[in-house]
Amino acid sequence: MPLNRLLGQVADAVQAVREGRSLTDVLARCPADLRPGTQALSFHVLRLLGSAQAARAHLAPKNPPPRVDSLLVSALALLWPSAEPPYAEHTVVDQAVQAMQKRAPAAAGFVNAVLRRFLRERDAVVAAAQRDPQGAFNHPPWWIERLRQDWPSQWQAILQANNQHPPMSLRVNARHLTAQAYLERLAAVGIAARLAGPLAPQGLILEKAVPVTALPGFDQGLVSVQDVAAQLAAPLLLGERQDLAPLPPDARVLDACSAPGGKTAHLLELADLDLLALDADAQRLNRVQDTLRRLQLRARLKAADARQTASWWDGQLFDAILLDAPCSASGIVRRHPDVRWLRRPGDIGALAEIQAGLLDALWPTLKAGGRLVYATCSIFKAEGQAQVDAFMQRHGDARALAVEGVTGHLLPLADNGPNAGGGASMVDGFFYALLVKN
């Protein structure tokens, strides 16, 4: 696909993210033949957007029109110093100018001049860009400051990890075969992978990402794509990681915020449950159904806001509840590099309020002796440990159980939780709490 066509799509995606639209939504509207390339380049640009914006401001202090600026910063990101540059320098400049001739012809000369000056003065421009925190770390200043406060010893390492490419991880369906057996099936078709380790016994980590169509038995439900950190939820709820008795057969279980259905399916792969899967978004609930259908699993699905218990609860208490709560997604920015640019400082407090509302609404639906797993894909303490501490203050009948390597904040660092000994930035950032009702 000609780079100038892809650059036009990437520029539109970057402009949309700057205006507050999700990259996922933008890519869904991208022409099918351009979508894979657009996604790959958009991810690259968004991981370097802070640096590229700082460089553009240094080279052209007066803001160009948004359609021009979005293409210019995209080209600057592709020209940023890299051990493995995506394209040759002259190709990027030539194709960016061609793209601008289609997009805003009068600005083509300006773009050409800025990009050529960047190449001539690259070392000095990069050094100037990195004197600004956003240019150095490619995160908004408020995000950097929050991480500095939450993780004073690790904040820089977390920011650097956030800009790395995430691995592709798999969850093998325990109803069909073991992770070791599937590892051998992958090897037979030339796909290199390794076991994820004892905390995620069904998990595999691929050496290189592949299309799901290349995975043996994917359509037959043998395997799913799921990060290792997300694979800790189901065993934690089912009692495989602590001194709680395992749930009885056909236990009543609630998955309160179930879409897109990865954790729902994992629970059903591991146990026979009477499971109710809720989600406030009816369209996203369709994805849960599609996942269960592919894996040949069954659950009761209902579109409802879990906080509004009168609209969905039949009054029968649950043995266990999984609350994978809406959050900032600050732990998964490697997979969703637009998130850091979409979030605003006030979002964290608003999300924490929703999380507290969900916890308070669901706790009365849990039977005495039952357990609730609270999870977020966030590394901000306001959405993790601080949220649970406040909940425990409000509810004297709750106690928290610690499970080594699983509960608490899991950071995307080599020495944390399931990452320990497994290579830097192996899993996403997550938070887990296991709460038992006295």
Protein backbone atom coordinates (compact mmCIF):
# COMPACT_ATOMS: atom_id res chain seq x y z
CA MET A 1 0.00 0.00 0.00
CA PRO A 2 1.51 3.40 -0.95
CA LEU A 3 2.73 5.17 2.18
CA ASN A 4 1.10 8.44 1.15
CA ARG A 5 -2.33 6.77 1.34
CA LEU A 6 -1.56 5.28 4.74
CA LEU A 7 -0.22 8.62 6.01
CA GLY A 8 -3.50 10.30 5.14
CA GLN A 9 -5.40 7.72 7.19
CA VAL A 10 -2.90 7.95 10.06
CA ALA A 11 -3.16 11.73 10.10
CA ASP A 12 -6.95 11.47 10.30
CA ALA A 13 -6.60 9.00 13.19
CA VAL A 14 -4.18 11.26 15.08
CA GLN A 15 -6.43 14.26 14.55
CA ALA A 16 -9.44 12.27 15.81
CA VAL A 17 -7.57 11.19 18.97
CA ARG A 18 -6.55 14.80 19.61
CA GLU A 19 -10.23 15.71 19.36
CA GLY A 20 -11.15 13.05 21.93
CA ARG A 21 -12.22 10.10 19.76
CA SER A 22 -11.11 6.54 20.44
CA LEU A 23 -8.62 5.06 17.97
CA THR A 24 -10.64 1.83 18.01
CA ASP A 25 -13.68 3.70 16.68
CA VAL A 26 -11.60 5.47 14.04
CA LEU A 27 -10.03 2.24 12.80
CA ALA A 28 -13.44 0.59 12.54
CA ARG A 29 -14.34 3.21 9.91
CA CYS A 30 -11.06 2.86 8.02
CA PRO A 31 -11.19 1.11 4.60
CA ALA A 32 -10.51 -2.59 5.12
CA ASP A 33 -7.47 -2.70 2.83
CA LEU A 34 -5.86 0.20 4.71
CA ARG A 35 -6.79 -0.83 8.25
CA PRO A 36 -3.82 -3.08 9.21
CA GLY A 37 -1.23 -0.58 7.99
CA THR A 38 -3.11 2.35 9.48
CA GLN A 39 -3.29 0.65 12.87
CA ALA A 40 0.41 -0.24 12.90
CA LEU A 41 1.54 3.27 11.94
CA SER A 42 -1.01 4.98 14.23
CA PHE A 43 0.31 2.98 17.18
CA HIS A 44 3.86 4.00 16.26
CA VAL A 45 2.92 7.67 16.00
CA LEU A 46 0.85 7.77 19.20
CA ARG A 47 3.72 6.22 21.17
CA LEU A 48 5.90 9.12 19.99
CA LEU A 49 3.25 11.84 19.81
CA GLY A 50 4.67 13.91 22.68
CA SER A 51 8.13 13.95 21.10
CA ALA A 52 6.78 14.72 17.62
CA GLN A 53 4.61 17.57 18.91
CA ALA A 54 7.53 19.08 20.80
CA ALA A 55 9.72 18.81 17.69
CA ARG A 56 7.05 20.45 15.51
CA ALA A 57 6.69 23.30 18.02
CA HIS A 58 10.47 23.82 17.92
CA LEU A 59 10.61 23.78 14.12
CA ALA A 60 7.38 25.71 13.45
CA PRO A 61 6.25 27.61 16.58
CA LYS A 62 3.07 28.91 14.91
CA ASN A 63 0.42 26.16 14.95
CA PRO A 64 -0.53 25.02 11.44
CA PRO A 65 -4.16 24.03 10.70
CA PRO A 66 -5.12 20.71 12.38
CA ARG A 67 -5.21 18.73 9.10
CA VAL A 68 -1.69 19.90 8.29
CA ASP A 69 -0.34 19.51 11.80
CA SER A 70 -1.65 15.95 12.25
CA LEU A 71 0.13 14.79 9.11
CA LEU A 72 3.29 16.71 9.97
CA VAL A 73 3.62 15.21 13.47
CA SER A 74 2.88 11.76 12.03
CA ALA A 75 5.77 12.14 9.60
CA LEU A 76 8.05 13.47 12.34
CA ALA A 77 7.25 10.41 14.48
CA LEU A 78 8.21 8.13 11.58
CA LEU A 79 11.50 10.03 11.23
CA TRP A 80 12.28 9.88 14.96
CA PRO A 81 15.60 8.16 15.76
CA SER A 82 15.05 4.41 16.02
CA ALA A 83 17.12 1.24 15.95
CA GLU A 84 14.64 -0.11 13.40
CA PRO A 85 13.12 2.83 11.48
CA PRO A 86 9.86 1.86 9.75
CA TYR A 87 10.84 3.56 6.47
CA ALA A 88 13.85 5.20 4.84
CA GLU A 89 14.07 8.93 5.54
CA HIS A 90 13.71 10.04 1.92
CA THR A 91 10.65 7.81 1.53
CA VAL A 92 8.91 9.40 4.52
CA VAL A 93 9.58 12.94 3.30
CA ASP A 94 8.54 12.20 -0.28
CA GLN A 95 5.37 10.35 0.71
CA ALA A 96 4.39 12.93 3.34
CA VAL A 97 4.62 15.68 0.72
CA GLN A 98 2.50 13.62 -1.68
CA ALA A 99 -0.06 13.02 1.06
CA MET A 100 -0.18 16.74 1.83
CA GLN A 101 -0.66 17.59 -1.84
CA LYS A 102 -3.89 15.57 -1.68
CA ARG A 103 -4.84 16.87 1.78
CA ALA A 104 -3.96 20.58 1.65
CA PRO A 105 -1.92 21.35 -1.50
CA ALA A 106 -0.92 24.83 -0.39
CA ALA A 107 0.87 23.37 2.65
CA ALA A 108 2.97 20.78 0.77
CA GLY A 109 5.99 23.08 0.49
CA PHE A 110 5.79 23.94 4.19
CA VAL A 111 5.73 20.26 5.18
CA ASN A 112 8.66 19.51 2.89
CA ALA A 113 10.70 22.34 4.41
CA VAL A 114 9.96 21.36 8.03
CA LEU A 115 10.79 17.68 7.49
CA ARG A 116 14.04 18.43 5.66
CA ARG A 117 15.09 20.85 8.37
CA PHE A 118 14.34 18.18 10.99
CA LEU A 119 16.67 15.75 9.20
CA ARG A 120 19.43 18.38 8.98
CA GLU A 121 19.12 19.38 12.67
CA ARG A 122 17.76 16.15 14.10
CA ASP A 123 20.15 15.74 17.04
CA ALA A 124 19.56 19.29 18.26
CA VAL A 125 15.78 19.12 17.74
CA VAL A 126 15.50 15.78 19.56
CA ALA A 127 17.53 17.14 22.47
CA ALA A 128 15.30 20.22 22.66
CA ALA A 129 12.11 18.11 22.53
CA GLN A 130 13.31 15.90 25.35
CA ARG A 131 13.87 18.82 27.69
CA ASP A 132 10.07 18.95 27.97
CA PRO A 133 8.58 16.10 30.11
CA GLN A 134 5.86 15.36 27.57
CA GLY A 135 8.44 15.26 24.80
CA ALA A 136 10.75 13.05 26.85
CA PHE A 137 8.18 10.52 28.13
CA ASN A 138 5.36 10.74 25.55
CA HIS A 139 2.64 11.08 28.18
CA PRO A 140 0.62 14.16 29.23
CA PRO A 141 2.21 16.14 32.11
CA TRP A 142 -0.63 15.38 34.55
CA TRP A 143 -0.25 11.63 33.88
CA ILE A 144 3.50 11.83 34.51
CA GLU A 145 2.94 13.70 37.77
CA ARG A 146 0.32 11.22 39.00
CA LEU A 147 2.68 8.32 38.35
CA ARG A 148 5.47 10.18 40.10
CA GLN A 149 3.27 10.56 43.19
CA ASP A 150 1.94 6.97 43.14
CA TRP A 151 5.23 5.26 42.27
CA PRO A 152 8.13 7.55 43.25
CA SER A 153 10.78 4.87 42.65
CA GLN A 154 9.33 3.32 39.49
CA TRP A 155 7.53 6.05 37.57
CA GLN A 156 10.21 6.49 34.90
CA ALA A 157 10.51 2.75 34.29
CA ILE A 158 6.71 2.50 33.98
CA LEU A 159 6.59 5.33 31.43
CA GLN A 160 9.36 3.71 29.39
CA ALA A 161 7.60 0.33 29.54
CA ASN A 162 4.38 1.96 28.34
CA ASN A 163 6.09 2.89 25.07
CA GLN A 164 7.20 -0.66 24.27
CA HIS A 165 5.41 -3.09 21.99
CA PRO A 166 3.35 -5.54 24.07
CA PRO A 167 3.68 -9.29 23.54
CA MET A 168 0.84 -11.36 22.14
CA SER A 169 -0.38 -13.73 24.84
CA LEU A 170 -2.76 -16.67 24.57
CA ARG A 171 -5.06 -18.51 26.98
CA VAL A 172 -5.45 -22.20 26.18
CA ASN A 173 -8.94 -23.62 26.75
CA ALA A 174 -8.58 -26.02 29.70
CA ARG A 175 -11.66 -27.94 28.56
CA HIS A 176 -9.72 -29.14 25.51
CA LEU A 177 -5.99 -29.35 26.25
CA THR A 178 -3.09 -28.10 28.36
CA ALA A 179 -0.84 -25.16 27.61
CA GLN A 180 2.06 -27.56 27.06
CA ALA A 181 0.06 -29.56 24.51
CA TYR A 182 -0.90 -26.40 22.63
CA LEU A 183 2.70 -25.18 22.77
CA GLU A 184 3.64 -28.32 20.85
CA ARG A 185 0.89 -27.66 18.30
CA LEU A 186 2.25 -24.17 17.75
CA ALA A 187 5.76 -25.50 17.29
CA ALA A 188 4.45 -27.92 14.65
CA VAL A 189 3.28 -24.97 12.52
CA GLY A 190 6.40 -22.90 13.13
CA ILE A 191 5.07 -20.48 15.78
CA ALA A 192 7.54 -19.93 18.63
CA ALA A 193 6.11 -19.41 22.12
CA ARG A 194 6.83 -20.06 25.79
CA LEU A 195 4.78 -20.94 28.86
CA ALA A 196 3.61 -17.94 30.90
CA GLY A 197 4.49 -19.52 34.24
CA PRO A 198 2.75 -20.98 37.30
CA LEU A 199 0.52 -17.98 38.02
CA ALA A 200 -1.10 -18.36 34.59
CA PRO A 201 -0.98 -22.11 33.88
CA GLN A 202 -3.08 -21.79 30.72
CA GLY A 203 -1.03 -18.89 29.38
CA LEU A 204 1.42 -18.77 26.49
CA ILE A 205 3.47 -15.84 25.23
CA LEU A 206 4.30 -15.72 21.53
CA GLU A 207 7.74 -14.70 20.37
CA LYS A 208 6.11 -12.74 17.55
CA ALA A 209 2.50 -11.69 17.04
CA VAL A 210 0.52 -13.58 14.40
CA PRO A 211 -3.03 -13.24 13.00
CA VAL A 212 -5.56 -15.30 14.95
CA THR A 213 -6.29 -17.17 11.72
CA ALA A 214 -2.77 -18.66 12.01
CA LEU A 215 -3.50 -20.14 15.46
CA PRO A 216 -4.37 -23.87 15.26
CA GLY A 217 -7.92 -24.51 16.39
CA PHE A 218 -8.79 -20.86 17.08
CA ASP A 219 -12.17 -21.10 15.34
CA GLN A 220 -12.87 -24.35 17.20
CA GLY A 221 -12.32 -22.65 20.58
CA LEU A 222 -8.99 -24.21 21.53
CA VAL A 223 -7.36 -20.88 22.35
CA SER A 224 -8.08 -17.19 22.94
CA VAL A 225 -5.98 -14.04 22.91
CA GLN A 226 -5.68 -12.60 26.44
CA ASP A 227 -2.90 -10.88 28.34
CA VAL A 228 -1.32 -12.87 31.15
CA ALA A 229 -2.36 -10.32 33.79
CA ALA A 230 -6.01 -10.68 32.78
CA GLN A 231 -5.70 -14.47 33.15
CA LEU A 232 -5.22 -14.11 36.91
CA ALA A 233 -8.84 -13.08 37.57
CA ALA A 234 -10.68 -16.38 37.07
CA PRO A 235 -8.40 -18.61 39.20
CA LEU A 236 -8.45 -15.95 41.94
CA LEU A 237 -12.27 -15.91 42.03
CA LEU A 238 -12.57 -19.70 41.87
CA GLY A 239 -10.35 -20.21 44.89
CA GLU A 240 -7.30 -21.70 43.18
CA ARG A 241 -4.85 -19.22 44.69
CA GLN A 242 -5.69 -19.02 48.41
CA ASP A 243 -7.04 -20.89 51.46
CA LEU A 244 -10.68 -20.51 50.43
CA ALA A 245 -12.67 -23.60 49.56
CA PRO A 246 -13.27 -23.98 45.82
CA LEU A 247 -16.69 -22.87 44.64
CA PRO A 248 -19.27 -25.68 44.56
CA PRO A 249 -20.48 -27.05 41.20
CA ASP A 250 -23.03 -24.77 39.55
CA ALA A 251 -22.20 -21.95 41.96
CA ARG A 252 -24.07 -18.70 41.33
CA VAL A 253 -21.50 -16.28 39.92
CA LEU A 254 -21.88 -12.73 38.68
CA ASP A 255 -19.57 -11.13 36.12
CA ALA A 256 -20.70 -7.57 36.67
CA CYS A 257 -18.93 -5.75 33.81
CA SER A 258 -18.32 -8.62 31.43
CA ALA A 259 -17.59 -7.20 27.96
CA PRO A 260 -15.70 -8.13 25.88
CA GLY A 261 -15.96 -11.52 27.61
CA GLY A 262 -12.43 -12.83 28.06
CA LYS A 263 -12.70 -13.27 31.82
CA THR A 264 -16.28 -14.57 31.51
CA ALA A 265 -15.08 -17.30 29.18
CA HIS A 266 -12.07 -18.13 31.35
CA LEU A 267 -14.34 -18.74 34.36
CA LEU A 268 -16.49 -21.12 32.32
CA GLU A 269 -13.45 -22.93 30.90
CA LEU A 270 -12.32 -23.70 34.45
CA ALA A 271 -15.62 -24.60 36.15
CA ASP A 272 -19.29 -25.45 35.65
CA LEU A 273 -21.07 -22.33 36.91
CA ASP A 274 -24.47 -20.71 36.94
CA LEU A 275 -23.03 -17.49 35.57
CA LEU A 276 -24.79 -14.19 34.91
CA ALA A 277 -22.84 -11.80 32.67
CA LEU A 278 -23.88 -8.17 32.85
CA ASP A 279 -22.75 -5.18 30.86
CA ALA A 280 -24.20 -1.70 30.64
CA ASP A 281 -23.52 -1.57 26.88
CA ALA A 282 -25.83 -3.87 24.91
CA GLN A 283 -23.62 -3.70 21.82
CA ARG A 284 -20.52 -4.72 23.77
CA LEU A 285 -22.53 -7.57 25.27
CA ASN A 286 -22.82 -8.97 21.74
CA ARG A 287 -19.06 -9.47 21.81
CA VAL A 288 -19.44 -11.57 24.97
CA GLN A 289 -21.98 -13.75 23.17
CA ASP A 290 -19.71 -14.13 20.14
CA THR A 291 -16.81 -15.17 22.40
CA LEU A 292 -18.91 -17.75 24.26
CA ARG A 293 -20.29 -19.13 21.02
CA ARG A 294 -16.82 -19.66 19.55
CA LEU A 295 -15.70 -21.40 22.75
CA GLN A 296 -18.94 -23.42 23.00
CA LEU A 297 -19.72 -22.07 26.47
CA ARG A 298 -22.95 -20.87 28.04
CA ALA A 299 -23.94 -18.05 30.38
CA ARG A 300 -26.97 -15.88 31.00
CA LEU A 301 -26.40 -12.44 29.47
CA LYS A 302 -28.18 -9.23 30.43
CA ALA A 303 -27.67 -5.62 29.43
CA ALA A 304 -27.88 -3.59 32.64
CA ASP A 305 -25.97 -1.13 34.80
CA ALA A 306 -24.72 -3.27 37.67
CA ARG A 307 -25.28 -0.37 40.09
CA GLN A 308 -29.03 -0.46 39.41
CA THR A 309 -29.64 -3.80 41.13
CA ALA A 310 -33.44 -3.40 41.09
CA SER A 311 -33.35 -3.64 37.27
CA TRP A 312 -31.58 -7.01 37.02
CA TRP A 313 -31.16 -8.84 40.35
CA ASP A 314 -33.66 -11.56 41.27
CA GLY A 315 -32.85 -11.39 44.99
CA GLN A 316 -30.87 -14.66 45.14
CA LEU A 317 -27.44 -14.15 46.65
CA PHE A 318 -24.28 -14.91 44.67
CA ASP A 319 -21.51 -17.24 45.77
CA ALA A 320 -18.93 -15.10 43.97
CA ILE A 321 -18.74 -11.82 42.05
CA LEU A 322 -16.16 -10.63 39.56
CA LEU A 323 -16.11 -6.85 39.25
CA ASP A 324 -13.75 -5.88 36.45
CA ALA A 325 -14.60 -2.23 36.88
CA PRO A 326 -14.48 0.59 34.32
CA CYS A 327 -11.20 2.44 34.76
CA SER A 328 -8.63 4.72 33.17
CA ALA A 329 -6.92 1.78 31.40
CA SER A 330 -3.61 3.25 32.56
CA GLY A 331 -2.16 -0.26 32.79
CA ILE A 332 -2.76 -1.18 29.16
CA VAL A 333 -1.46 1.85 27.26
CA ARG A 334 1.03 -0.38 25.45
CA ARG A 335 -1.94 -2.03 23.73
CA HIS A 336 -4.01 1.16 23.48
CA PRO A 337 -1.53 4.03 23.00
CA ASP A 338 -4.37 6.50 22.39
CA VAL A 339 -5.62 6.17 25.99
CA ARG A 340 -2.96 8.46 27.47
CA TRP A 341 -3.97 11.25 25.05
CA LEU A 342 -7.73 10.72 25.52
CA ARG A 343 -7.84 10.83 29.33
CA ARG A 344 -8.18 14.08 31.25
CA PRO A 345 -7.11 14.74 34.87
CA GLY A 346 -10.71 14.85 36.09
CA ASP A 347 -11.48 11.43 34.62
CA ILE A 348 -9.71 9.58 37.43
CA GLY A 349 -11.92 10.99 40.17
CA ALA A 350 -15.05 10.40 38.09
CA LEU A 351 -14.06 6.80 37.40
CA ALA A 352 -13.20 6.21 41.06
CA GLU A 353 -16.71 7.37 41.96
CA ILE A 354 -18.21 4.84 39.52
CA GLN A 355 -16.02 2.08 40.95
CA ALA A 356 -17.10 2.89 44.50
CA GLY A 357 -20.74 2.90 43.41
CA LEU A 358 -20.36 -0.53 41.85
CA LEU A 359 -18.69 -1.99 44.92
CA ASP A 360 -21.34 -0.62 47.28
CA ALA A 361 -24.22 -1.76 45.06
CA LEU A 362 -22.93 -5.29 44.53
CA TRP A 363 -21.77 -6.10 48.06
CA PRO A 364 -25.35 -6.73 49.36
CA THR A 365 -25.93 -9.26 46.56
CA LEU A 366 -23.10 -11.48 47.86
CA LYS A 367 -23.88 -14.21 50.38
CA ALA A 368 -22.08 -14.46 53.73
CA GLY A 369 -18.83 -16.32 53.19
CA GLY A 370 -18.85 -15.38 49.51
CA ARG A 371 -15.99 -13.67 47.71
CA LEU A 372 -15.70 -10.68 45.38
CA VAL A 373 -12.73 -10.01 43.13
CA TYR A 374 -12.27 -6.33 42.35
CA ALA A 375 -10.10 -5.75 39.28
CA THR A 376 -9.00 -2.80 37.19
CA CYS A 377 -6.50 -2.54 34.34
CA SER A 378 -5.11 0.56 36.05
CA ILE A 379 -1.87 1.36 37.84
CA PHE A 380 -3.24 4.51 39.48
CA LYS A 381 -3.69 3.95 43.20
CA ALA A 382 -6.95 5.92 43.27
CA GLU A 383 -8.50 3.12 41.20
CA GLY A 384 -6.76 0.32 43.08
CA GLN A 385 -5.51 0.15 46.64
CA ALA A 386 -7.01 3.49 47.70
CA GLN A 387 -10.39 2.38 46.34
CA VAL A 388 -10.29 -0.88 48.30
CA ASP A 389 -9.07 0.82 51.49
CA ALA A 390 -12.03 3.20 51.34
CA PHE A 391 -14.43 0.32 50.69
CA MET A 392 -13.14 -1.55 53.74
CA GLN A 393 -13.75 1.54 55.86
CA ARG A 394 -17.37 1.63 54.69
CA HIS A 395 -18.05 -2.10 55.08
CA GLY A 396 -17.04 -3.71 58.36
CA ASP A 397 -18.11 -7.16 57.15
CA ALA A 398 -15.40 -7.25 54.45
CA ARG A 399 -11.90 -8.60 54.78
CA ALA A 400 -9.18 -8.68 52.13
CA LEU A 401 -7.08 -11.76 51.43
CA ALA A 402 -3.57 -11.35 50.03
CA VAL A 403 -2.35 -13.74 47.35
CA GLU A 404 1.33 -13.43 46.53
CA GLY A 405 2.05 -12.30 42.99
CA VAL A 406 -1.63 -11.68 42.23
CA THR A 407 -3.37 -9.25 44.58
CA GLY A 408 -2.36 -5.61 44.82
CA HIS A 409 -0.93 -3.49 42.04
CA LEU A 410 0.79 -5.38 39.23
CA LEU A 411 3.10 -3.05 37.33
CA PRO A 412 4.36 -3.62 33.77
CA LEU A 413 7.89 -4.17 35.09
CA ALA A 414 10.18 -7.19 35.04
CA ASP A 415 10.26 -7.77 38.79
CA ASN A 416 6.56 -7.41 39.57
CA GLY A 417 3.96 -10.15 40.08
CA PRO A 418 3.77 -12.67 37.24
CA ASN A 419 6.59 -10.85 35.44
CA ALA A 420 9.19 -11.92 38.02
CA GLY A 421 11.93 -13.76 36.18
CA GLY A 422 9.98 -13.69 32.95
CA GLY A 423 11.41 -10.71 31.07
CA ALA A 424 10.78 -6.99 31.21
CA SER A 425 7.30 -5.63 30.54
CA MET A 426 5.86 -9.11 30.02
CA VAL A 427 2.33 -8.39 31.27
CA ASP A 428 -0.02 -5.44 31.48
CA GLY A 429 -0.54 -3.29 34.53
CA PHE A 430 -3.46 -4.47 36.71
CA PHE A 431 -4.90 -4.30 40.19
CA TYR A 432 -6.60 -7.18 42.01
CA ALA A 433 -8.27 -7.38 45.41
CA LEU A 434 -9.91 -10.49 46.88
CA LEU A 435 -12.66 -9.50 49.33
CA VAL A 436 -14.48 -12.04 51.51
CA LYS A 437 -17.80 -11.32 53.24
CA ASN A 438 -17.71 -12.26 56.94
